[in-house]
PDB file of all heavy atoms in Angstrom:
ATOM      1  N   GLN A   1     -15.413   3.227 -10.843  1.00  0.00           N
ATOM      2  CA  GLN A   1     -14.357   4.217 -10.946  1.00  0.00           C
ATOM      3  C   GLN A   1     -13.959   4.724  -9.572  1.00  0.00           C
ATOM      4  O   GLN A   1     -14.826   5.149  -8.800  1.00  0.00           O
ATOM      5  CB  GLN A   1     -14.814   5.401 -11.805  1.00  0.00           C
ATOM      6  CG  GLN A   1     -14.843   5.125 -13.291  1.00  0.00           C
ATOM      7  CD  GLN A   1     -15.068   6.387 -14.103  1.00  0.00           C
ATOM      8  OE1 GLN A   1     -15.889   7.203 -13.736  1.00  0.00           O
ATOM      9  NE2 GLN A   1     -14.347   6.524 -15.191  1.00  0.00           N
ATOM     10  N   LEU A   2     -12.686   4.649  -9.291  1.00  0.00           N
ATOM     11  CA  LEU A   2     -12.144   5.236  -8.072  1.00  0.00           C
ATOM     12  C   LEU A   2     -11.317   6.444  -8.493  1.00  0.00           C
ATOM     13  O   LEU A   2     -10.497   6.347  -9.409  1.00  0.00           O
ATOM     14  CB  LEU A   2     -11.241   4.243  -7.342  1.00  0.00           C
ATOM     15  CG  LEU A   2     -11.870   2.885  -6.981  1.00  0.00           C
ATOM     16  CD1 LEU A   2     -10.880   2.027  -6.190  1.00  0.00           C
ATOM     17  CD2 LEU A   2     -13.156   3.073  -6.193  1.00  0.00           C
ATOM     18  N   VAL A   3     -11.554   7.568  -7.839  1.00  0.00           N
ATOM     19  CA  VAL A   3     -10.909   8.813  -8.246  1.00  0.00           C
ATOM     20  C   VAL A   3     -10.104   9.365  -7.095  1.00  0.00           C
ATOM     21  O   VAL A   3     -10.673   9.672  -6.029  1.00  0.00           O
ATOM     22  CB  VAL A   3     -11.943   9.832  -8.704  1.00  0.00           C
ATOM     23  CG1 VAL A   3     -11.265  11.110  -9.150  1.00  0.00           C
ATOM     24  CG2 VAL A   3     -12.813   9.265  -9.839  1.00  0.00           C
ATOM     25  N   GLU A   4      -8.792   9.483  -7.332  1.00  0.00           N
ATOM     26  CA  GLU A   4      -7.906  10.044  -6.320  1.00  0.00           C
ATOM     27  C   GLU A   4      -7.697  11.529  -6.563  1.00  0.00           C
ATOM     28  O   GLU A   4      -7.769  12.007  -7.682  1.00  0.00           O
ATOM     29  CB  GLU A   4      -6.520   9.355  -6.356  1.00  0.00           C
ATOM     30  CG  GLU A   4      -6.537   7.861  -6.168  1.00  0.00           C
ATOM     31  CD  GLU A   4      -6.630   7.083  -7.455  1.00  0.00           C
ATOM     32  OE1 GLU A   4      -7.007   7.695  -8.487  1.00  0.00           O
ATOM     33  OE2 GLU A   4      -6.306   5.899  -7.466  1.00  0.00           O
ATOM     34  N   SER A   5      -7.382  12.227  -5.478  1.00  0.00           N
ATOM     35  CA  SER A   5      -7.046  13.649  -5.573  1.00  0.00           C
ATOM     36  C   SER A   5      -6.135  14.009  -4.425  1.00  0.00           C
ATOM     37  O   SER A   5      -5.960  13.220  -3.485  1.00  0.00           O
ATOM     38  CB  SER A   5      -8.326  14.515  -5.530  1.00  0.00           C
ATOM     39  OG  SER A   5      -9.012  14.303  -4.300  1.00  0.00           O
ATOM     40  N   GLY A   6      -5.510  15.187  -4.530  1.00  0.00           N
ATOM     41  CA  GLY A   6      -4.675  15.676  -3.460  1.00  0.00           C
ATOM     42  C   GLY A   6      -3.202  15.584  -3.681  1.00  0.00           C
ATOM     43  O   GLY A   6      -2.409  16.049  -2.840  1.00  0.00           O
ATOM     44  N   GLY A   7      -2.771  14.991  -4.784  1.00  0.00           N
ATOM     45  CA  GLY A   7      -1.344  14.903  -5.044  1.00  0.00           C
ATOM     46  C   GLY A   7      -0.776  16.260  -5.421  1.00  0.00           C
ATOM     47  O   GLY A   7      -1.493  17.241  -5.599  1.00  0.00           O
ATOM     48  N   GLY A   8       0.547  16.303  -5.543  1.00  0.00           N
ATOM     49  CA  GLY A   8       1.201  17.545  -5.923  1.00  0.00           C
ATOM     50  C   GLY A   8       2.681  17.515  -5.626  1.00  0.00           C
ATOM     51  O   GLY A   8       3.258  16.455  -5.367  1.00  0.00           O
ATOM     52  N   LEU A   9       3.259  18.697  -5.699  1.00  0.00           N
ATOM     53  CA  LEU A   9       4.693  18.881  -5.438  1.00  0.00           C
ATOM     54  C   LEU A   9       4.870  19.477  -4.055  1.00  0.00           C
ATOM     55  O   LEU A   9       4.229  20.487  -3.721  1.00  0.00           O
ATOM     56  CB  LEU A   9       5.297  19.782  -6.495  1.00  0.00           C
ATOM     57  CG  LEU A   9       6.753  20.211  -6.296  1.00  0.00           C
ATOM     58  CD1 LEU A   9       7.676  19.008  -6.379  1.00  0.00           C
ATOM     59  CD2 LEU A   9       7.139  21.251  -7.351  1.00  0.00           C
ATOM     60  N   VAL A  10       5.736  18.873  -3.254  1.00  0.00           N
ATOM     61  CA  VAL A  10       5.971  19.356  -1.901  1.00  0.00           C
ATOM     62  C   VAL A  10       7.452  19.188  -1.565  1.00  0.00           C
ATOM     63  O   VAL A  10       8.123  18.282  -2.101  1.00  0.00           O
ATOM     64  CB  VAL A  10       5.065  18.576  -0.896  1.00  0.00           C
ATOM     65  CG1 VAL A  10       5.435  17.112  -0.870  1.00  0.00           C
ATOM     66  CG2 VAL A  10       5.130  19.192   0.498  1.00  0.00           C
ATOM     67  N   GLN A  11       7.957  20.022  -0.696  1.00  0.00           N
ATOM     68  CA  GLN A  11       9.341  19.888  -0.276  1.00  0.00           C
ATOM     69  C   GLN A  11       9.484  18.797   0.780  1.00  0.00           C
ATOM     70  O   GLN A  11       8.532  18.474   1.490  1.00  0.00           O
ATOM     71  CB  GLN A  11       9.843  21.221   0.300  1.00  0.00           C
ATOM     72  CG  GLN A  11      10.059  22.299  -0.740  1.00  0.00           C
ATOM     73  CD  GLN A  11      10.724  23.529  -0.152  1.00  0.00           C
ATOM     74  OE1 GLN A  11      10.572  23.825   1.053  1.00  0.00           O
ATOM     75  NE2 GLN A  11      11.465  24.258  -1.001  1.00  0.00           N
ATOM     76  N   ALA A  12      10.662  18.240   0.867  1.00  0.00           N
ATOM     77  CA  ALA A  12      10.927  17.240   1.881  1.00  0.00           C
ATOM     78  C   ALA A  12      10.577  17.789   3.256  1.00  0.00           C
ATOM     79  O   ALA A  12      10.861  18.951   3.574  1.00  0.00           O
ATOM     80  CB  ALA A  12      12.392  16.827   1.839  1.00  0.00           C
ATOM     81  N   GLY A  13       9.946  16.952   4.058  1.00  0.00           N
ATOM     82  CA  GLY A  13       9.475  17.359   5.370  1.00  0.00           C
ATOM     83  C   GLY A  13       8.052  17.892   5.381  1.00  0.00           C
ATOM     84  O   GLY A  13       7.479  18.078   6.456  1.00  0.00           O
ATOM     85  N   GLY A  14       7.495  18.116   4.220  1.00  0.00           N
ATOM     86  CA  GLY A  14       6.143  18.633   4.118  1.00  0.00           C
ATOM     87  C   GLY A  14       5.081  17.545   4.207  1.00  0.00           C
ATOM     88  O   GLY A  14       5.380  16.384   4.464  1.00  0.00           O
ATOM     89  N   SER A  15       3.830  17.966   4.007  1.00  0.00           N
ATOM     90  CA  SER A  15       2.700  17.074   4.155  1.00  0.00           C
ATOM     91  C   SER A  15       1.754  17.195   2.964  1.00  0.00           C
ATOM     92  O   SER A  15       1.671  18.251   2.329  1.00  0.00           O
ATOM     93  CB  SER A  15       1.924  17.409   5.429  1.00  0.00           C
ATOM     94  OG  SER A  15       2.714  17.233   6.592  1.00  0.00           O
ATOM     95  N   LEU A  16       1.054  16.124   2.703  1.00  0.00           N
ATOM     96  CA  LEU A  16      -0.027  16.098   1.728  1.00  0.00           C
ATOM     97  C   LEU A  16      -1.119  15.173   2.247  1.00  0.00           C
ATOM     98  O   LEU A  16      -0.837  14.239   3.004  1.00  0.00           O
ATOM     99  CB  LEU A  16       0.462  15.582   0.363  1.00  0.00           C
ATOM    100  CG  LEU A  16       1.269  16.504  -0.537  1.00  0.00           C
ATOM    101  CD1 LEU A  16       1.751  15.728  -1.764  1.00  0.00           C
ATOM    102  CD2 LEU A  16       0.443  17.723  -0.963  1.00  0.00           C
ATOM    103  N   ARG A  17      -2.333  15.445   1.815  1.00  0.00           N
ATOM    104  CA  ARG A  17      -3.470  14.575   2.163  1.00  0.00           C
ATOM    105  C   ARG A  17      -4.128  14.116   0.878  1.00  0.00           C
ATOM    106  O   ARG A  17      -4.655  14.935   0.130  1.00  0.00           O
ATOM    107  CB  ARG A  17      -4.475  15.305   3.022  1.00  0.00           C
ATOM    108  CG  ARG A  17      -5.560  14.412   3.605  1.00  0.00           C
ATOM    109  CD  ARG A  17      -6.681  15.241   4.153  1.00  0.00           C
ATOM    110  NE  ARG A  17      -7.576  14.449   5.019  1.00  0.00           N
ATOM    111  CZ  ARG A  17      -8.817  14.811   5.289  1.00  0.00           C
ATOM    112  NH1 ARG A  17      -9.329  15.932   4.778  1.00  0.00           N
ATOM    113  NH2 ARG A  17      -9.559  14.079   6.116  1.00  0.00           N
ATOM    114  N   LEU A  18      -4.084  12.833   0.647  1.00  0.00           N
ATOM    115  CA  LEU A  18      -4.727  12.256  -0.524  1.00  0.00           C
ATOM    116  C   LEU A  18      -6.139  11.818  -0.178  1.00  0.00           C
ATOM    117  O   LEU A  18      -6.405  11.355   0.942  1.00  0.00           O
ATOM    118  CB  LEU A  18      -3.932  11.066  -1.043  1.00  0.00           C
ATOM    119  CG  LEU A  18      -2.453  11.297  -1.368  1.00  0.00           C
ATOM    120  CD1 LEU A  18      -1.842  10.025  -1.938  1.00  0.00           C
ATOM    121  CD2 LEU A  18      -2.268  12.474  -2.300  1.00  0.00           C
ATOM    122  N   SER A  19      -7.033  11.906  -1.159  1.00  0.00           N
ATOM    123  CA  SER A  19      -8.393  11.445  -1.000  1.00  0.00           C
ATOM    124  C   SER A  19      -8.736  10.512  -2.150  1.00  0.00           C
ATOM    125  O   SER A  19      -8.172  10.597  -3.246  1.00  0.00           O
ATOM    126  CB  SER A  19      -9.370  12.621  -1.020  1.00  0.00           C
ATOM    127  OG  SER A  19      -9.083  13.558  -0.017  1.00  0.00           O
ATOM    128  N   CYS A  20      -9.674   9.605  -1.885  1.00  0.00           N
ATOM    129  CA  CYS A  20     -10.147   8.683  -2.926  1.00  0.00           C
ATOM    130  C   CYS A  20     -11.622   8.448  -2.703  1.00  0.00           C
ATOM    131  O   CYS A  20     -12.052   8.115  -1.582  1.00  0.00           O
ATOM    132  CB  CYS A  20      -9.379   7.380  -2.867  1.00  0.00           C
ATOM    133  SG  CYS A  20     -10.012   6.093  -3.978  1.00  0.00           S
ATOM    134  N   ALA A  21     -12.404   8.614  -3.763  1.00  0.00           N
ATOM    135  CA  ALA A  21     -13.823   8.393  -3.686  1.00  0.00           C
ATOM    136  C   ALA A  21     -14.248   7.510  -4.874  1.00  0.00           C
ATOM    137  O   ALA A  21     -13.615   7.508  -5.937  1.00  0.00           O
ATOM    138  CB  ALA A  21     -14.572   9.710  -3.739  1.00  0.00           C
ATOM    139  N   ALA A  22     -15.311   6.758  -4.669  1.00  0.00           N
ATOM    140  CA  ALA A  22     -15.859   5.921  -5.732  1.00  0.00           C
ATOM    141  C   ALA A  22     -16.985   6.656  -6.415  1.00  0.00           C
ATOM    142  O   ALA A  22     -17.841   7.240  -5.740  1.00  0.00           O
ATOM    143  CB  ALA A  22     -16.355   4.593  -5.186  1.00  0.00           C
ATOM    144  N   SER A  23     -16.971   6.662  -7.727  1.00  0.00           N
ATOM    145  CA  SER A  23     -17.972   7.434  -8.449  1.00  0.00           C
ATOM    146  C   SER A  23     -19.200   6.616  -8.824  1.00  0.00           C
ATOM    147  O   SER A  23     -20.258   7.170  -9.084  1.00  0.00           O
ATOM    148  CB  SER A  23     -17.350   8.026  -9.716  1.00  0.00           C
ATOM    149  OG  SER A  23     -16.924   6.975 -10.570  1.00  0.00           O
ATOM    150  N   THR A  24     -19.076   5.293  -8.868  1.00  0.00           N
ATOM    151  CA  THR A  24     -20.187   4.495  -9.376  1.00  0.00           C
ATOM    152  C   THR A  24     -20.652   3.412  -8.424  1.00  0.00           C
ATOM    153  O   THR A  24     -21.528   2.647  -8.766  1.00  0.00           O
ATOM    154  CB  THR A  24     -19.802   3.811 -10.706  1.00  0.00           C
ATOM    155  OG1 THR A  24     -18.615   3.038 -10.489  1.00  0.00           O
ATOM    156  CG2 THR A  24     -19.528   4.855 -11.782  1.00  0.00           C
ATOM    157  N   ARG A  25     -20.031   3.317  -7.269  1.00  0.00           N
ATOM    158  CA  ARG A  25     -20.489   2.348  -6.269  1.00  0.00           C
ATOM    159  C   ARG A  25     -20.088   2.851  -4.914  1.00  0.00           C
ATOM    160  O   ARG A  25     -19.282   3.803  -4.791  1.00  0.00           O
ATOM    161  CB  ARG A  25     -19.873   0.965  -6.503  1.00  0.00           C
ATOM    162  CG  ARG A  25     -18.391   0.880  -6.207  1.00  0.00           C
ATOM    163  CD  ARG A  25     -17.843  -0.503  -6.539  1.00  0.00           C
ATOM    164  NE  ARG A  25     -18.351  -1.543  -5.704  1.00  0.00           N
ATOM    165  CZ  ARG A  25     -17.871  -1.870  -4.513  1.00  0.00           C
ATOM    166  NH1 ARG A  25     -16.857  -1.201  -4.008  1.00  0.00           N
ATOM    167  NH2 ARG A  25     -18.391  -2.885  -3.814  1.00  0.00           N
ATOM    168  N   THR A  26     -20.638   2.288  -3.862  1.00  0.00           N
ATOM    169  CA  THR A  26     -20.205   2.652  -2.517  1.00  0.00           C
ATOM    170  C   THR A  26     -19.125   1.694  -2.060  1.00  0.00           C
ATOM    171  O   THR A  26     -18.931   0.616  -2.627  1.00  0.00           O
ATOM    172  CB  THR A  26     -21.386   2.605  -1.533  1.00  0.00           C
ATOM    173  OG1 THR A  26     -21.772   1.244  -1.356  1.00  0.00           O
ATOM    174  CG2 THR A  26     -22.572   3.393  -2.057  1.00  0.00           C
ATOM    175  N   PHE A  27     -18.440   2.092  -1.027  1.00  0.00           N
ATOM    176  CA  PHE A  27     -17.395   1.263  -0.427  1.00  0.00           C
ATOM    177  C   PHE A  27     -17.954   0.343   0.654  1.00  0.00           C
ATOM    178  O   PHE A  27     -17.184  -0.217   1.429  1.00  0.00           O
ATOM    179  CB  PHE A  27     -16.302   2.141   0.174  1.00  0.00           C
ATOM    180  CG  PHE A  27     -15.408   2.797  -0.848  1.00  0.00           C
ATOM    181  CD1 PHE A  27     -14.933   4.078  -0.619  1.00  0.00           C
ATOM    182  CD2 PHE A  27     -15.026   2.145  -1.995  1.00  0.00           C
ATOM    183  CE1 PHE A  27     -14.097   4.704  -1.532  1.00  0.00           C
ATOM    184  CE2 PHE A  27     -14.183   2.750  -2.927  1.00  0.00           C
ATOM    185  CZ  PHE A  27     -13.717   4.039  -2.679  1.00  0.00           C
ATOM    186  N   THR A  28     -19.258   0.165   0.665  1.00  0.00           N
ATOM    187  CA  THR A  28     -19.878  -0.643   1.716  1.00  0.00           C
ATOM    188  C   THR A  28     -19.257  -2.032   1.803  1.00  0.00           C
ATOM    189  O   THR A  28     -19.289  -2.797   0.850  1.00  0.00           O
ATOM    190  CB  THR A  28     -21.391  -0.773   1.484  1.00  0.00           C
ATOM    191  OG1 THR A  28     -21.967   0.541   1.433  1.00  0.00           O
ATOM    192  CG2 THR A  28     -22.027  -1.570   2.617  1.00  0.00           C
ATOM    193  N   GLY A  29     -18.679  -2.334   2.967  1.00  0.00           N
ATOM    194  CA  GLY A  29     -18.086  -3.644   3.184  1.00  0.00           C
ATOM    195  C   GLY A  29     -16.671  -3.818   2.675  1.00  0.00           C
ATOM    196  O   GLY A  29     -16.024  -4.828   2.958  1.00  0.00           O
ATOM    197  N   ASP A  30     -16.175  -2.859   1.898  1.00  0.00           N
ATOM    198  CA  ASP A  30     -14.837  -3.005   1.289  1.00  0.00           C
ATOM    199  C   ASP A  30     -13.728  -2.634   2.243  1.00  0.00           C
ATOM    200  O   ASP A  30     -13.847  -1.658   2.991  1.00  0.00           O
ATOM    201  CB  ASP A  30     -14.717  -2.082   0.063  1.00  0.00           C
ATOM    202  CG  ASP A  30     -15.709  -2.393  -1.015  1.00  0.00           C
ATOM    203  OD1 ASP A  30     -16.361  -3.443  -0.960  1.00  0.00           O
ATOM    204  OD2 ASP A  30     -15.833  -1.551  -1.928  1.00  0.00           O
ATOM    205  N   ALA A  31     -12.637  -3.383   2.143  1.00  0.00           N
ATOM    206  CA  ALA A  31     -11.383  -2.874   2.684  1.00  0.00           C
ATOM    207  C   ALA A  31     -10.787  -1.973   1.600  1.00  0.00           C
ATOM    208  O   ALA A  31     -10.984  -2.193   0.414  1.00  0.00           O
ATOM    209  CB  ALA A  31     -10.416  -4.014   2.994  1.00  0.00           C
ATOM    210  N   LEU A  32     -10.065  -0.947   2.032  1.00  0.00           N
ATOM    211  CA  LEU A  32      -9.481   0.023   1.087  1.00  0.00           C
ATOM    212  C   LEU A  32      -8.007   0.143   1.321  1.00  0.00           C
ATOM    213  O   LEU A  32      -7.526   0.076   2.465  1.00  0.00           O
ATOM    214  CB  LEU A  32     -10.161   1.370   1.281  1.00  0.00           C
ATOM    215  CG  LEU A  32     -11.659   1.395   1.027  1.00  0.00           C
ATOM    216  CD1 LEU A  32     -12.253   2.737   1.457  1.00  0.00           C
ATOM    217  CD2 LEU A  32     -11.963   1.122  -0.434  1.00  0.00           C
ATOM    218  N   GLY A  33      -7.287   0.315   0.249  1.00  0.00           N
ATOM    219  CA  GLY A  33      -5.837   0.401   0.357  1.00  0.00           C
ATOM    220  C   GLY A  33      -5.256   1.480  -0.512  1.00  0.00           C
ATOM    221  O   GLY A  33      -5.908   1.950  -1.457  1.00  0.00           O
ATOM    222  N   TRP A  34      -4.044   1.881  -0.170  1.00  0.00           N
ATOM    223  CA  TRP A  34      -3.260   2.786  -0.984  1.00  0.00           C
ATOM    224  C   TRP A  34      -1.979   2.058  -1.395  1.00  0.00           C
ATOM    225  O   TRP A  34      -1.344   1.400  -0.573  1.00  0.00           O
ATOM    226  CB  TRP A  34      -2.885   4.043  -0.193  1.00  0.00           C
ATOM    227  CG  TRP A  34      -4.012   5.007   0.000  1.00  0.00           C
ATOM    228  CD1 TRP A  34      -4.825   5.125   1.092  1.00  0.00           C
ATOM    229  CD2 TRP A  34      -4.452   6.016  -0.932  1.00  0.00           C
ATOM    230  NE1 TRP A  34      -5.743   6.108   0.897  1.00  0.00           N
ATOM    231  CE2 TRP A  34      -5.531   6.688  -0.336  1.00  0.00           C
ATOM    232  CE3 TRP A  34      -4.035   6.411  -2.198  1.00  0.00           C
ATOM    233  CZ2 TRP A  34      -6.197   7.743  -0.959  1.00  0.00           C
ATOM    234  CZ3 TRP A  34      -4.695   7.472  -2.822  1.00  0.00           C
ATOM    235  CH2 TRP A  34      -5.749   8.109  -2.196  1.00  0.00           C
ATOM    236  N   PHE A  35      -1.661   2.200  -2.655  1.00  0.00           N
ATOM    237  CA  PHE A  35      -0.447   1.648  -3.217  1.00  0.00           C
ATOM    238  C   PHE A  35       0.286   2.760  -3.971  1.00  0.00           C
ATOM    239  O   PHE A  35      -0.319   3.788  -4.316  1.00  0.00           O
ATOM    240  CB  PHE A  35      -0.769   0.492  -4.173  1.00  0.00           C
ATOM    241  CG  PHE A  35      -1.384  -0.691  -3.483  1.00  0.00           C
ATOM    242  CD1 PHE A  35      -2.732  -0.691  -3.118  1.00  0.00           C
ATOM    243  CD2 PHE A  35      -0.631  -1.816  -3.211  1.00  0.00           C
ATOM    244  CE1 PHE A  35      -3.288  -1.786  -2.476  1.00  0.00           C
ATOM    245  CE2 PHE A  35      -1.184  -2.914  -2.586  1.00  0.00           C
ATOM    246  CZ  PHE A  35      -2.512  -2.900  -2.220  1.00  0.00           C
ATOM    247  N   ARG A  36       1.560   2.544  -4.262  1.00  0.00           N
ATOM    248  CA  ARG A  36       2.296   3.536  -5.032  1.00  0.00           C
ATOM    249  C   ARG A  36       3.256   2.863  -5.986  1.00  0.00           C
ATOM    250  O   ARG A  36       3.691   1.724  -5.754  1.00  0.00           O
ATOM    251  CB  ARG A  36       3.053   4.484  -4.084  1.00  0.00           C
ATOM    252  CG  ARG A  36       4.192   3.839  -3.294  1.00  0.00           C
ATOM    253  CD  ARG A  36       4.752   4.853  -2.291  1.00  0.00           C
ATOM    254  NE  ARG A  36       5.874   4.282  -1.534  1.00  0.00           N
ATOM    255  CZ  ARG A  36       6.485   4.894  -0.524  1.00  0.00           C
ATOM    256  NH1 ARG A  36       6.068   6.102  -0.127  1.00  0.00           N
ATOM    257  NH2 ARG A  36       7.500   4.312   0.093  1.00  0.00           N
ATOM    258  N   GLN A  37       3.575   3.598  -7.020  1.00  0.00           N
ATOM    259  CA  GLN A  37       4.532   3.099  -8.000  1.00  0.00           C
ATOM    260  C   GLN A  37       5.435   4.236  -8.437  1.00  0.00           C
ATOM    261  O   GLN A  37       4.969   5.237  -8.996  1.00  0.00           O
ATOM    262  CB  GLN A  37       3.823   2.498  -9.220  1.00  0.00           C
ATOM    263  CG  GLN A  37       4.760   1.809 -10.201  1.00  0.00           C
ATOM    264  CD  GLN A  37       4.036   0.934 -11.191  1.00  0.00           C
ATOM    265  OE1 GLN A  37       2.824   1.060 -11.402  1.00  0.00           O
ATOM    266  NE2 GLN A  37       4.747   0.027 -11.810  1.00  0.00           N
ATOM    267  N   ALA A  38       6.711   4.066  -8.188  1.00  0.00           N
ATOM    268  CA  ALA A  38       7.720   5.042  -8.593  1.00  0.00           C
ATOM    269  C   ALA A  38       8.254   4.656  -9.975  1.00  0.00           C
ATOM    270  O   ALA A  38       8.173   3.479 -10.377  1.00  0.00           O
ATOM    271  CB  ALA A  38       8.855   5.073  -7.573  1.00  0.00           C
ATOM    272  N   PRO A  39       8.804   5.596 -10.699  1.00  0.00           N
ATOM    273  CA  PRO A  39       9.342   5.294 -12.033  1.00  0.00           C
ATOM    274  C   PRO A  39      10.393   4.171 -11.977  1.00  0.00           C
ATOM    275  O   PRO A  39      11.292   4.191 -11.146  1.00  0.00           O
ATOM    276  CB  PRO A  39       9.992   6.614 -12.456  1.00  0.00           C
ATOM    277  CG  PRO A  39       9.250   7.659 -11.692  1.00  0.00           C
ATOM    278  CD  PRO A  39       8.918   7.024 -10.367  1.00  0.00           C
ATOM    279  N   GLY A  40      10.202   3.174 -12.839  1.00  0.00           N
ATOM    280  CA  GLY A  40      11.145   2.089 -12.920  1.00  0.00           C
ATOM    281  C   GLY A  40      11.020   1.046 -11.828  1.00  0.00           C
ATOM    282  O   GLY A  40      11.838   0.124 -11.748  1.00  0.00           O
ATOM    283  N   LYS A  41      10.022   1.224 -10.980  1.00  0.00           N
ATOM    284  CA  LYS A  41       9.827   0.282  -9.860  1.00  0.00           C
ATOM    285  C   LYS A  41       8.455  -0.368  -9.945  1.00  0.00           C
ATOM    286  O   LYS A  41       7.560   0.114 -10.610  1.00  0.00           O
ATOM    287  CB  LYS A  41       9.995   0.995  -8.526  1.00  0.00           C
ATOM    288  CG  LYS A  41      11.391   1.540  -8.278  1.00  0.00           C
ATOM    289  CD  LYS A  41      11.534   2.051  -6.867  1.00  0.00           C
ATOM    290  CE  LYS A  41      12.955   2.520  -6.582  1.00  0.00           C
ATOM    291  NZ  LYS A  41      13.084   3.011  -5.191  1.00  0.00           N
ATOM    292  N   GLU A  42       8.315  -1.489  -9.221  1.00  0.00           N
ATOM    293  CA  GLU A  42       7.041  -2.156  -9.175  1.00  0.00           C
ATOM    294  C   GLU A  42       6.101  -1.449  -8.201  1.00  0.00           C
ATOM    295  O   GLU A  42       6.536  -0.752  -7.293  1.00  0.00           O
ATOM    296  CB  GLU A  42       7.232  -3.620  -8.757  1.00  0.00           C
ATOM    297  CG  GLU A  42       8.011  -4.441  -9.786  1.00  0.00           C
ATOM    298  CD  GLU A  42       8.054  -5.913  -9.412  1.00  0.00           C
ATOM    299  OE1 GLU A  42       7.643  -6.254  -8.294  1.00  0.00           O
ATOM    300  OE2 GLU A  42       8.524  -6.724 -10.235  1.00  0.00           O
ATOM    301  N   ARG A  43       4.818  -1.693  -8.406  1.00  0.00           N
ATOM    302  CA  ARG A  43       3.827  -1.141  -7.488  1.00  0.00           C
ATOM    303  C   ARG A  43       4.038  -1.766  -6.124  1.00  0.00           C
ATOM    304  O   ARG A  43       4.279  -2.970  -5.998  1.00  0.00           O
ATOM    305  CB  ARG A  43       2.431  -1.462  -8.003  1.00  0.00           C
ATOM    306  CG  ARG A  43       1.305  -0.930  -7.148  1.00  0.00           C
ATOM    307  CD  ARG A  43      -0.044  -1.207  -7.788  1.00  0.00           C
ATOM    308  NE  ARG A  43      -0.239  -0.384  -9.002  1.00  0.00           N
ATOM    309  CZ  ARG A  43      -1.334  -0.439  -9.744  1.00  0.00           C
ATOM    310  NH1 ARG A  43      -2.313  -1.293  -9.442  1.00  0.00           N
ATOM    311  NH2 ARG A  43      -1.442   0.331 -10.798  1.00  0.00           N
TER     312      ARG A  43
END
């Protein structure tokens, strides 16, 4: 399980910091990535 946090509503020009942690394994040796999917669009 990977669990993300930190999302929310912000005005244009603002900032957010997202976090992601693994609950059942460590990230040892892993490359990590962020992806996004907007409504009606592909990831």
